[in-house]
Amino acid sequence: MPRAPKLPSPPVPSALKAPPAQPGEDVAKGGPLEGAKRGGINVVDWIDERTSLSGTGRWLLFRKVPRGTNWFYTLGSATLFAFLSQAVTGVFLAMFYRPDAAGGAYESIRHITDTVFLGQFVRGMHLWGASVMVVLVFVHMGRTFLWGAYKYPRELNWLIGVVLLILTLVMALTGYLLPFDQRAYWATVVANNITATGPLIGPYLGDFLRGGPEFGATTLSRFYSIHMLLVPGLIAALIGAHLYLVTKLGTTAPPWLKADEPSTLSEAEV
């Protein structure tokens, strides 16, 4: 039986073809690693040609910074890293947690701590990471205030930071109830009673958080949904706006550094 003729290979798209060798580049050099490198570069170029993301990346990363920039300016990045750590560990914990006020919540926490692989480690990261994030937000806000970075034209960024501070405290409060043990239960009762004593909206806010006349299954479900869905989404959106304004407006120099005065021409120079 005669063999069918072999069809020619389809042409390679121009976007995936290897670029010509640069001046001074060793043309004979090759191999699988070099081919993979060229392929990766071609894919990145193909995506960038259609999205122009390289311009956005350069706008975000390559910008001027004032004189006197030091490690205090990394507090915002440290807070962002703490939030991302909380998000990752929180997703892991949510896979095993059950918001059941009849004992399921506490037993699921025990299951995570005692049975799940690396469960105690991840829960410890989430538990202590919450405290670290609260401390970092306060220190970052204090540094911003002492440096005078809340003044024109950065007032909106300061207000966003204040809202992020409040949301961080709300996330810490709602997460404290989730183990639903005696300490978490009564600590949240005290915190909710303090909230309810606030002026004007205090009683309504206390009733909303409690979800009824007393603490129970509705309270736990409400705290869980606020902690897992509402507050993280708001924080992520406000962090995006915060980073945009920081990139657009830049950072301020430390207050002990004065701007250089422009040199004036003397009569001899004229």
Protein backbone atom coordinates (compact mmCIF):
# COMPACT_ATOMS: atom_id res chain seq x y z
CA MET A 1 0.00 0.00 0.00
CA PRO A 2 1.61 3.30 -1.04
CA ARG A 3 2.33 5.81 1.68
CA ALA A 4 0.46 9.08 1.69
CA PRO A 5 2.61 12.04 0.79
CA LYS A 6 3.92 13.96 3.82
CA LEU A 7 2.34 17.37 4.09
CA PRO A 8 4.64 20.34 4.65
CA SER A 9 4.73 21.91 8.11
CA PRO A 10 2.51 24.97 8.56
CA PRO A 11 4.30 28.29 8.44
CA VAL A 12 5.46 29.75 11.75
CA PRO A 13 3.75 33.06 12.64
CA SER A 14 6.03 36.03 12.37
CA ALA A 15 5.45 36.90 16.02
CA LEU A 16 6.94 33.53 17.07
CA LYS A 17 9.94 33.59 14.77
CA ALA A 18 13.34 34.07 16.32
CA PRO A 19 14.55 37.68 16.06
CA PRO A 20 17.69 38.40 14.05
CA ALA A 21 20.97 38.32 15.91
CA GLN A 22 22.02 41.59 17.52
CA PRO A 23 25.34 43.20 16.53
CA GLY A 24 28.13 41.44 18.37
CA GLU A 25 25.94 38.49 19.40
CA ASP A 26 27.31 35.02 18.92
CA VAL A 27 25.12 33.54 16.17
CA ALA A 28 26.49 30.05 16.62
CA LYS A 29 25.39 29.94 20.24
CA GLY A 30 22.20 27.95 20.67
CA GLY A 31 20.68 25.02 22.43
CA PRO A 32 17.39 24.33 24.19
CA LEU A 33 17.92 26.97 26.87
CA GLU A 34 18.62 29.66 24.32
CA GLY A 35 15.58 28.59 22.29
CA ALA A 36 13.39 28.72 25.39
CA LYS A 37 14.74 32.17 26.20
CA ARG A 38 13.98 33.46 22.70
CA GLY A 39 10.51 31.90 22.85
CA GLY A 40 9.77 33.57 26.15
CA ILE A 41 10.92 36.93 24.84
CA ASN A 42 8.76 36.51 21.75
CA VAL A 43 5.69 35.69 23.85
CA VAL A 44 6.28 38.73 26.09
CA ASP A 45 6.74 40.94 23.03
CA TRP A 46 3.56 39.51 21.48
CA ILE A 47 1.54 40.30 24.62
CA ASP A 48 3.10 43.74 25.02
CA GLU A 49 2.37 44.64 21.40
CA ARG A 50 -1.33 44.11 22.08
CA THR A 51 -1.58 45.47 25.64
CA SER A 52 1.24 48.07 25.95
CA LEU A 53 1.87 46.85 29.50
CA SER A 54 5.55 47.73 29.30
CA GLY A 55 4.68 51.42 29.38
CA THR A 56 2.58 50.91 32.50
CA GLY A 57 5.40 48.92 34.10
CA ARG A 58 7.93 51.63 33.36
CA TRP A 59 5.53 54.25 34.74
CA LEU A 60 5.15 52.27 37.96
CA LEU A 61 8.76 51.25 38.54
CA PHE A 62 11.02 53.85 36.93
CA ARG A 63 10.23 57.10 38.73
CA LYS A 64 12.20 59.71 40.60
CA VAL A 65 12.52 59.55 44.37
CA PRO A 66 13.47 62.47 46.62
CA ARG A 67 16.75 62.85 48.45
CA GLY A 68 16.86 61.32 51.89
CA THR A 69 14.77 58.27 50.99
CA ASN A 70 15.45 55.60 53.62
CA TRP A 71 14.01 52.42 55.11
CA PHE A 72 11.05 54.30 56.60
CA TYR A 73 9.70 54.58 53.05
CA THR A 74 9.31 50.78 52.87
CA LEU A 75 6.61 50.68 55.56
CA GLY A 76 3.89 50.91 52.90
CA SER A 77 5.37 48.01 50.95
CA ALA A 78 5.68 46.00 54.17
CA THR A 79 2.00 46.64 54.91
CA LEU A 80 1.08 45.52 51.39
CA PHE A 81 3.11 42.33 51.86
CA ALA A 82 1.32 41.69 55.18
CA PHE A 83 -2.06 42.06 53.45
CA LEU A 84 -1.07 39.64 50.68
CA SER A 85 0.13 37.15 53.29
CA GLN A 86 -3.19 37.46 55.10
CA ALA A 87 -5.07 36.91 51.85
CA VAL A 88 -3.11 33.77 50.92
CA THR A 89 -3.27 32.18 54.37
CA GLY A 90 -6.93 33.20 54.70
CA VAL A 91 -7.84 31.33 51.51
CA PHE A 92 -6.11 28.22 52.88
CA LEU A 93 -7.99 28.46 56.19
CA ALA A 94 -11.32 29.08 54.44
CA MET A 95 -10.99 25.72 52.69
CA PHE A 96 -11.40 23.94 56.05
CA TYR A 97 -13.35 26.43 58.19
CA ARG A 98 -17.09 26.02 58.84
CA PRO A 99 -19.01 29.05 60.20
CA ASP A 100 -21.25 26.89 62.39
CA ALA A 101 -22.18 28.36 65.77
CA ALA A 102 -23.34 24.95 67.07
CA GLY A 103 -19.77 23.76 67.51
CA GLY A 104 -18.66 23.33 63.92
CA ALA A 105 -16.58 26.53 63.89
CA TYR A 106 -14.54 25.56 66.94
CA GLU A 107 -14.11 21.97 65.77
CA SER A 108 -12.97 23.10 62.33
CA ILE A 109 -10.31 25.27 63.97
CA ARG A 110 -9.17 22.27 66.02
CA HIS A 111 -9.09 20.18 62.85
CA ILE A 112 -6.94 22.79 61.08
CA THR A 113 -4.55 23.05 64.04
CA ASP A 114 -4.21 19.35 64.89
CA THR A 115 -4.85 17.39 61.67
CA VAL A 116 -4.34 19.43 58.48
CA PHE A 117 -0.83 19.37 57.04
CA LEU A 118 0.91 22.64 57.98
CA GLY A 119 -2.42 23.82 59.39
CA GLN A 120 -0.97 25.05 62.67
CA PHE A 121 1.81 26.88 60.82
CA VAL A 122 -0.58 28.61 58.39
CA ARG A 123 -3.02 29.49 61.16
CA GLY A 124 -0.16 30.93 63.20
CA MET A 125 0.93 33.02 60.22
CA HIS A 126 -2.62 34.34 59.83
CA LEU A 127 -3.05 34.98 63.55
CA TRP A 128 0.21 36.84 64.10
CA GLY A 129 0.09 38.39 60.64
CA ALA A 130 -3.08 40.23 61.64
CA SER A 131 -1.26 41.87 64.55
CA VAL A 132 1.73 42.67 62.35
CA MET A 133 -0.50 44.29 59.73
CA VAL A 134 -2.27 46.47 62.32
CA VAL A 135 1.07 47.62 63.76
CA LEU A 136 2.51 48.33 60.31
CA VAL A 137 -0.54 50.39 59.29
CA PHE A 138 -0.27 52.53 62.42
CA VAL A 139 3.50 53.02 62.00
CA HIS A 140 3.07 53.84 58.31
CA MET A 141 0.37 56.41 59.09
CA GLY A 142 2.54 57.90 61.84
CA ARG A 143 5.49 58.21 59.49
CA THR A 144 3.28 59.86 56.89
CA PHE A 145 2.01 62.38 59.44
CA LEU A 146 5.46 63.22 60.81
CA TRP A 147 6.88 63.64 57.30
CA GLY A 148 4.01 65.95 56.35
CA ALA A 149 3.00 63.74 53.43
CA TYR A 150 -0.69 64.46 54.05
CA LYS A 151 -0.43 68.01 52.71
CA TYR A 152 -1.21 69.29 49.22
CA PRO A 153 -1.47 67.58 46.77
CA ARG A 154 -1.66 64.32 48.72
CA GLU A 155 -4.77 64.95 50.84
CA LEU A 156 -6.84 62.34 48.99
CA ASN A 157 -4.13 59.72 49.48
CA TRP A 158 -4.12 60.51 53.21
CA LEU A 159 -7.91 60.06 53.40
CA ILE A 160 -7.63 56.72 51.59
CA GLY A 161 -5.00 55.68 54.13
CA VAL A 162 -7.32 56.59 57.02
CA VAL A 163 -10.10 54.47 55.50
CA LEU A 164 -7.64 51.59 55.02
CA LEU A 165 -6.68 51.88 58.70
CA ILE A 166 -10.34 51.63 59.74
CA LEU A 167 -10.94 48.66 57.43
CA THR A 168 -7.88 46.90 58.84
CA LEU A 169 -9.28 47.26 62.36
CA VAL A 170 -12.68 46.01 61.16
CA MET A 171 -11.05 42.97 59.58
CA ALA A 172 -9.16 42.25 62.83
CA LEU A 173 -12.37 42.56 64.87
CA THR A 174 -14.47 40.33 62.61
CA GLY A 175 -11.74 37.71 62.38
CA TYR A 176 -11.36 37.49 66.16
CA LEU A 177 -14.82 35.93 66.53
CA LEU A 178 -14.34 33.16 63.97
CA PRO A 179 -12.82 30.51 66.32
CA PHE A 180 -16.02 30.97 68.37
CA ASP A 181 -14.49 29.89 71.67
CA GLN A 182 -15.19 31.53 75.02
CA ARG A 183 -12.50 34.18 74.67
CA ALA A 184 -13.51 35.14 71.13
CA TYR A 185 -17.21 35.17 72.04
CA TRP A 186 -17.01 37.43 75.09
CA ALA A 187 -14.35 39.71 73.63
CA THR A 188 -16.60 40.32 70.63
CA VAL A 189 -19.59 40.92 72.90
CA VAL A 190 -17.64 43.64 74.72
CA ALA A 191 -16.41 45.19 71.45
CA ASN A 192 -19.92 45.21 69.99
CA ASN A 193 -21.37 46.79 73.14
CA ILE A 194 -18.75 49.53 72.94
CA THR A 195 -19.64 50.09 69.30
CA ALA A 196 -23.33 50.32 70.15
CA THR A 197 -22.65 53.19 72.59
CA GLY A 198 -21.36 55.44 69.81
CA PRO A 199 -23.28 58.58 68.89
CA LEU A 200 -25.94 58.64 66.17
CA ILE A 201 -25.13 55.47 64.20
CA GLY A 202 -23.69 53.50 67.14
CA PRO A 203 -26.88 51.58 68.09
CA TYR A 204 -27.72 50.81 64.45
CA LEU A 205 -24.16 49.62 63.78
CA GLY A 206 -24.25 47.39 66.86
CA ASP A 207 -27.54 45.82 65.76
CA PHE A 208 -26.19 45.30 62.24
CA LEU A 209 -23.06 43.53 63.47
CA ARG A 210 -24.99 41.42 65.96
CA GLY A 211 -27.56 40.38 63.37
CA GLY A 212 -30.33 40.10 65.94
CA PRO A 213 -31.16 40.66 69.61
CA GLU A 214 -28.27 38.47 70.80
CA PHE A 215 -25.15 36.75 69.57
CA GLY A 216 -25.68 33.51 67.68
CA ALA A 217 -25.44 31.77 64.33
CA THR A 218 -26.44 34.88 62.38
CA THR A 219 -23.71 36.91 64.09
CA LEU A 220 -21.03 34.38 63.19
CA SER A 221 -22.19 34.17 59.55
CA ARG A 222 -22.31 37.95 59.30
CA PHE A 223 -18.82 38.37 60.75
CA TYR A 224 -17.49 35.64 58.46
CA SER A 225 -18.93 37.22 55.31
CA ILE A 226 -17.64 40.67 56.30
CA HIS A 227 -14.22 39.26 57.12
CA MET A 228 -13.88 37.11 53.99
CA LEU A 229 -15.71 39.03 51.27
CA LEU A 230 -16.60 42.63 52.02
CA VAL A 231 -13.56 44.05 53.80
CA PRO A 232 -10.83 42.34 51.71
CA GLY A 233 -12.48 43.52 48.50
CA LEU A 234 -12.66 47.11 49.75
CA ILE A 235 -9.07 46.98 50.96
CA ALA A 236 -7.81 45.62 47.61
CA ALA A 237 -9.65 48.35 45.67
CA LEU A 238 -8.40 51.14 47.94
CA ILE A 239 -4.83 49.80 47.84
CA GLY A 240 -4.97 50.03 44.05
CA ALA A 241 -6.12 53.66 44.25
CA HIS A 242 -3.51 54.36 46.93
CA LEU A 243 -0.66 52.98 44.81
CA TYR A 244 -1.87 54.89 41.76
CA LEU A 245 -1.77 58.20 43.66
CA VAL A 246 1.62 57.40 45.17
CA THR A 247 3.02 56.72 41.70
CA LYS A 248 1.36 59.77 40.16
CA LEU A 249 2.22 62.29 42.89
CA GLY A 250 5.48 60.78 44.12
CA THR A 251 6.80 60.70 47.66
CA THR A 252 7.86 63.57 49.89
CA ALA A 253 11.37 64.20 51.13
CA PRO A 254 12.06 64.05 54.89
CA PRO A 255 11.16 67.31 56.65
CA TRP A 256 14.74 67.96 57.76
CA LEU A 257 15.90 68.28 54.14
CA LYS A 258 15.33 71.67 52.53
CA ALA A 259 14.98 72.25 48.82
CA ASP A 260 18.00 73.65 47.03
CA GLU A 261 17.62 77.37 46.37
CA PRO A 262 18.18 78.38 42.75
CA SER A 263 21.49 80.09 42.20
CA THR A 264 21.27 83.76 41.28
CA LEU A 265 23.49 85.37 38.72
CA SER A 266 25.93 87.90 40.02
CA GLU A 267 26.86 91.12 38.25
CA ALA A 268 30.19 89.63 37.24
CA GLU A 269 28.44 86.69 35.53
CA VAL A 270 26.15 89.05 33.67
